[in-house]
Amino acid sequence: MNPYEKIKDLTRQQGISVRELEKRLGYSNGYFSKWKTVSPNSDGLSKVADYFNVSVDYLLGRNQAPEWADEDDLIELDKLLESNVNMAYGGETLTPEEKQRVKDVMTGLFWEFRKRDKEK
């Protein structure tokens, strides 16, 4: 499911149209429909994620957990990622793209370590 399809699903659940979401977030008509074929920008993804209280990873379909993961694993990963919302390096706040890269690395390491722990 691409980000546009996720947005359609979320708006349907909220009882609003995609057009209404575009208005609420300050975007022009048809802004999100471009995401059917073009990669969305991080600002737009962040705004949608914040609006619906979901992660950018969810919108991008990157929330796929390994088959052996259980609900506790998913909760722990979510806590880890959300605890690092104010990321900075050298006193400068990271850009949304840099934050996403850090979260991607953290997610990969989390699953690697969790698998190792379960194999013990």
C-alpha atoms as a PDB file:
ATOM      1  CA  MET A   1       0.000   0.000   0.000  1.00  0.00           C
ATOM      2  CA  ASN A   2       1.507   3.343  -1.041  1.00  0.00           C
ATOM      3  CA  PRO A   3       1.328   6.491   1.139  1.00  0.00           C
ATOM      4  CA  TYR A   4      -1.656   7.846  -0.789  1.00  0.00           C
ATOM      5  CA  GLU A   5      -3.631   4.662  -0.176  1.00  0.00           C
ATOM      6  CA  LYS A   6      -2.752   4.848   3.525  1.00  0.00           C
ATOM      7  CA  ILE A   7      -3.994   8.453   3.605  1.00  0.00           C
ATOM      8  CA  LYS A   8      -7.246   7.451   1.877  1.00  0.00           C
ATOM      9  CA  ASP A   9      -7.728   4.710   4.449  1.00  0.00           C
ATOM     10  CA  LEU A  10      -6.997   7.040   7.381  1.00  0.00           C
ATOM     11  CA  THR A  11      -9.300   9.783   6.097  1.00  0.00           C
ATOM     12  CA  ARG A  12     -12.073   7.247   5.572  1.00  0.00           C
ATOM     13  CA  GLN A  13     -11.643   6.091   9.170  1.00  0.00           C
ATOM     14  CA  GLN A  14     -11.865   9.716  10.344  1.00  0.00           C
ATOM     15  CA  GLY A  15     -14.913  10.417   8.209  1.00  0.00           C
ATOM     16  CA  ILE A  16     -13.249  13.149   6.137  1.00  0.00           C
ATOM     17  CA  SER A  17     -12.213  13.375   2.515  1.00  0.00           C
ATOM     18  CA  VAL A  18      -8.655  13.571   1.244  1.00  0.00           C
ATOM     19  CA  ARG A  19      -9.524  17.054  -0.020  1.00  0.00           C
ATOM     20  CA  GLU A  20     -10.591  18.082   3.496  1.00  0.00           C
ATOM     21  CA  LEU A  21      -7.275  16.811   4.867  1.00  0.00           C
ATOM     22  CA  GLU A  22      -5.412  18.812   2.228  1.00  0.00           C
ATOM     23  CA  LYS A  23      -7.302  21.945   3.318  1.00  0.00           C
ATOM     24  CA  ARG A  24      -6.690  21.325   7.022  1.00  0.00           C
ATOM     25  CA  LEU A  25      -2.965  20.865   6.441  1.00  0.00           C
ATOM     26  CA  GLY A  26      -2.681  23.827   4.070  1.00  0.00           C
ATOM     27  CA  TYR A  27      -2.095  21.932   0.825  1.00  0.00           C
ATOM     28  CA  SER A  28      -3.635  22.506  -2.595  1.00  0.00           C
ATOM     29  CA  ASN A  29      -6.274  20.257  -4.103  1.00  0.00           C
ATOM     30  CA  GLY A  30      -4.677  17.089  -5.475  1.00  0.00           C
ATOM     31  CA  TYR A  31      -1.469  17.423  -3.442  1.00  0.00           C
ATOM     32  CA  PHE A  32      -1.694  13.938  -1.946  1.00  0.00           C
ATOM     33  CA  SER A  33      -2.845  12.241  -5.149  1.00  0.00           C
ATOM     34  CA  LYS A  34       0.628  12.959  -6.576  1.00  0.00           C
ATOM     35  CA  TRP A  35       1.937  10.517  -3.989  1.00  0.00           C
ATOM     36  CA  LYS A  36       0.482   7.678  -6.038  1.00  0.00           C
ATOM     37  CA  THR A  37       3.469   7.927  -8.376  1.00  0.00           C
ATOM     38  CA  VAL A  38       5.947  10.380  -6.819  1.00  0.00           C
ATOM     39  CA  SER A  39       7.816   9.893  -3.557  1.00  0.00           C
ATOM     40  CA  PRO A  40       6.331  12.153  -0.882  1.00  0.00           C
ATOM     41  CA  ASN A  41       8.487  14.766   0.827  1.00  0.00           C
ATOM     42  CA  SER A  42       9.322  14.446   4.508  1.00  0.00           C
ATOM     43  CA  ASP A  43       7.456  17.615   5.513  1.00  0.00           C
ATOM     44  CA  GLY A  44       4.196  16.368   4.054  1.00  0.00           C
ATOM     45  CA  LEU A  45       4.674  12.924   5.555  1.00  0.00           C
ATOM     46  CA  SER A  46       5.393  14.419   8.977  1.00  0.00           C
ATOM     47  CA  LYS A  47       2.297  16.623   8.866  1.00  0.00           C
ATOM     48  CA  VAL A  48       0.056  13.704   7.921  1.00  0.00           C
ATOM     49  CA  ALA A  49       1.657  11.437  10.534  1.00  0.00           C
ATOM     50  CA  ASP A  50       1.168  14.076  13.232  1.00  0.00           C
ATOM     51  CA  TYR A  51      -2.418  14.731  12.170  1.00  0.00           C
ATOM     52  CA  PHE A  52      -3.393  11.067  12.394  1.00  0.00           C
ATOM     53  CA  ASN A  53      -1.023  10.226  15.254  1.00  0.00           C
ATOM     54  CA  VAL A  54       0.744   7.535  13.250  1.00  0.00           C
ATOM     55  CA  SER A  55       4.397   7.143  12.358  1.00  0.00           C
ATOM     56  CA  VAL A  56       5.980   8.155   9.079  1.00  0.00           C
ATOM     57  CA  ASP A  57       7.113   4.539   8.845  1.00  0.00           C
ATOM     58  CA  TYR A  58       3.464   3.466   8.917  1.00  0.00           C
ATOM     59  CA  LEU A  59       2.652   5.817   6.024  1.00  0.00           C
ATOM     60  CA  LEU A  60       5.614   4.483   4.053  1.00  0.00           C
ATOM     61  CA  GLY A  61       4.763   0.874   4.813  1.00  0.00           C
ATOM     62  CA  ARG A  62       8.005   0.336   6.705  1.00  0.00           C
ATOM     63  CA  ASN A  63       6.409  -0.912   9.867  1.00  0.00           C
ATOM     64  CA  GLN A  64       6.796  -4.502   8.817  1.00  0.00           C
ATOM     65  CA  ALA A  65       8.025  -6.443  11.809  1.00  0.00           C
ATOM     66  CA  PRO A  66       9.785  -9.809  11.539  1.00  0.00           C
ATOM     67  CA  GLU A  67       7.495 -12.849  11.690  1.00  0.00           C
ATOM     68  CA  TRP A  68       8.814 -13.816  15.113  1.00  0.00           C
ATOM     69  CA  ALA A  69       8.056 -10.391  16.654  1.00  0.00           C
ATOM     70  CA  ASP A  70       5.215 -10.139  19.150  1.00  0.00           C
ATOM     71  CA  GLU A  71       3.093  -7.233  20.379  1.00  0.00           C
ATOM     72  CA  ASP A  72       5.526  -6.471  23.223  1.00  0.00           C
ATOM     73  CA  ASP A  73       8.335  -6.100  20.689  1.00  0.00           C
ATOM     74  CA  LEU A  74       6.315  -3.600  18.670  1.00  0.00           C
ATOM     75  CA  ILE A  75       5.441  -1.588  21.766  1.00  0.00           C
ATOM     76  CA  GLU A  76       9.079  -1.526  22.848  1.00  0.00           C
ATOM     77  CA  LEU A  77      10.225  -0.372  19.404  1.00  0.00           C
ATOM     78  CA  ASP A  78       7.609   2.383  19.366  1.00  0.00           C
ATOM     79  CA  LYS A  79       8.746   3.595  22.803  1.00  0.00           C
ATOM     80  CA  LEU A  80      12.367   3.615  21.646  1.00  0.00           C
ATOM     81  CA  LEU A  81      11.632   5.641  18.531  1.00  0.00           C
ATOM     82  CA  GLU A  82       9.293   8.093  20.243  1.00  0.00           C
ATOM     83  CA  SER A  83      11.763   8.719  23.078  1.00  0.00           C
ATOM     84  CA  ASN A  84      14.168  10.221  20.554  1.00  0.00           C
ATOM     85  CA  VAL A  85      11.935  12.897  19.041  1.00  0.00           C
ATOM     86  CA  ASN A  86      14.268  15.807  19.906  1.00  0.00           C
ATOM     87  CA  MET A  87      17.356  14.584  18.093  1.00  0.00           C
ATOM     88  CA  ALA A  88      20.358  16.854  17.730  1.00  0.00           C
ATOM     89  CA  TYR A  89      24.027  16.557  16.888  1.00  0.00           C
ATOM     90  CA  GLY A  90      26.640  19.083  17.897  1.00  0.00           C
ATOM     91  CA  GLY A  91      23.954  21.319  19.344  1.00  0.00           C
ATOM     92  CA  GLU A  92      22.007  21.519  16.076  1.00  0.00           C
ATOM     93  CA  THR A  93      18.599  19.905  15.644  1.00  0.00           C
ATOM     94  CA  LEU A  94      18.525  17.277  12.926  1.00  0.00           C
ATOM     95  CA  THR A  95      16.427  17.820   9.819  1.00  0.00           C
ATOM     96  CA  PRO A  96      13.376  15.583   9.339  1.00  0.00           C
ATOM     97  CA  GLU A  97      15.317  13.560   6.766  1.00  0.00           C
ATOM     98  CA  GLU A  98      18.241  13.089   9.161  1.00  0.00           C
ATOM     99  CA  LYS A  99      15.874  12.080  11.959  1.00  0.00           C
ATOM    100  CA  GLN A 100      14.264   9.510   9.689  1.00  0.00           C
ATOM    101  CA  ARG A 101      17.659   8.052   8.803  1.00  0.00           C
ATOM    102  CA  VAL A 102      18.507   7.750  12.510  1.00  0.00           C
ATOM    103  CA  LYS A 103      15.152   6.075  13.193  1.00  0.00           C
ATOM    104  CA  ASP A 104      15.724   3.644  10.317  1.00  0.00           C
ATOM    105  CA  VAL A 105      19.105   2.645  11.744  1.00  0.00           C
ATOM    106  CA  MET A 106      17.642   2.356  15.248  1.00  0.00           C
ATOM    107  CA  THR A 107      14.853   0.143  13.947  1.00  0.00           C
ATOM    108  CA  GLY A 108      17.297  -2.182  12.197  1.00  0.00           C
ATOM    109  CA  LEU A 109      19.472  -2.441  15.289  1.00  0.00           C
ATOM    110  CA  PHE A 110      16.448  -2.984  17.516  1.00  0.00           C
ATOM    111  CA  TRP A 111      15.312  -5.997  15.484  1.00  0.00           C
ATOM    112  CA  GLU A 112      18.856  -7.363  15.321  1.00  0.00           C
ATOM    113  CA  PHE A 113      19.303  -7.146  19.099  1.00  0.00           C
ATOM    114  CA  ARG A 114      15.784  -8.400  19.841  1.00  0.00           C
ATOM    115  CA  LYS A 115      16.339 -11.460  17.652  1.00  0.00           C
ATOM    116  CA  ARG A 116      19.642 -12.182  19.384  1.00  0.00           C
ATOM    117  CA  ASP A 117      17.950 -11.896  22.792  1.00  0.00           C
ATOM    118  CA  LYS A 118      15.176 -14.297  21.784  1.00  0.00           C
ATOM    119  CA  GLU A 119      17.697 -16.859  20.548  1.00  0.00           C
ATOM    120  CA  LYS A 120      19.428 -17.003  23.949  1.00  0.00           C
END
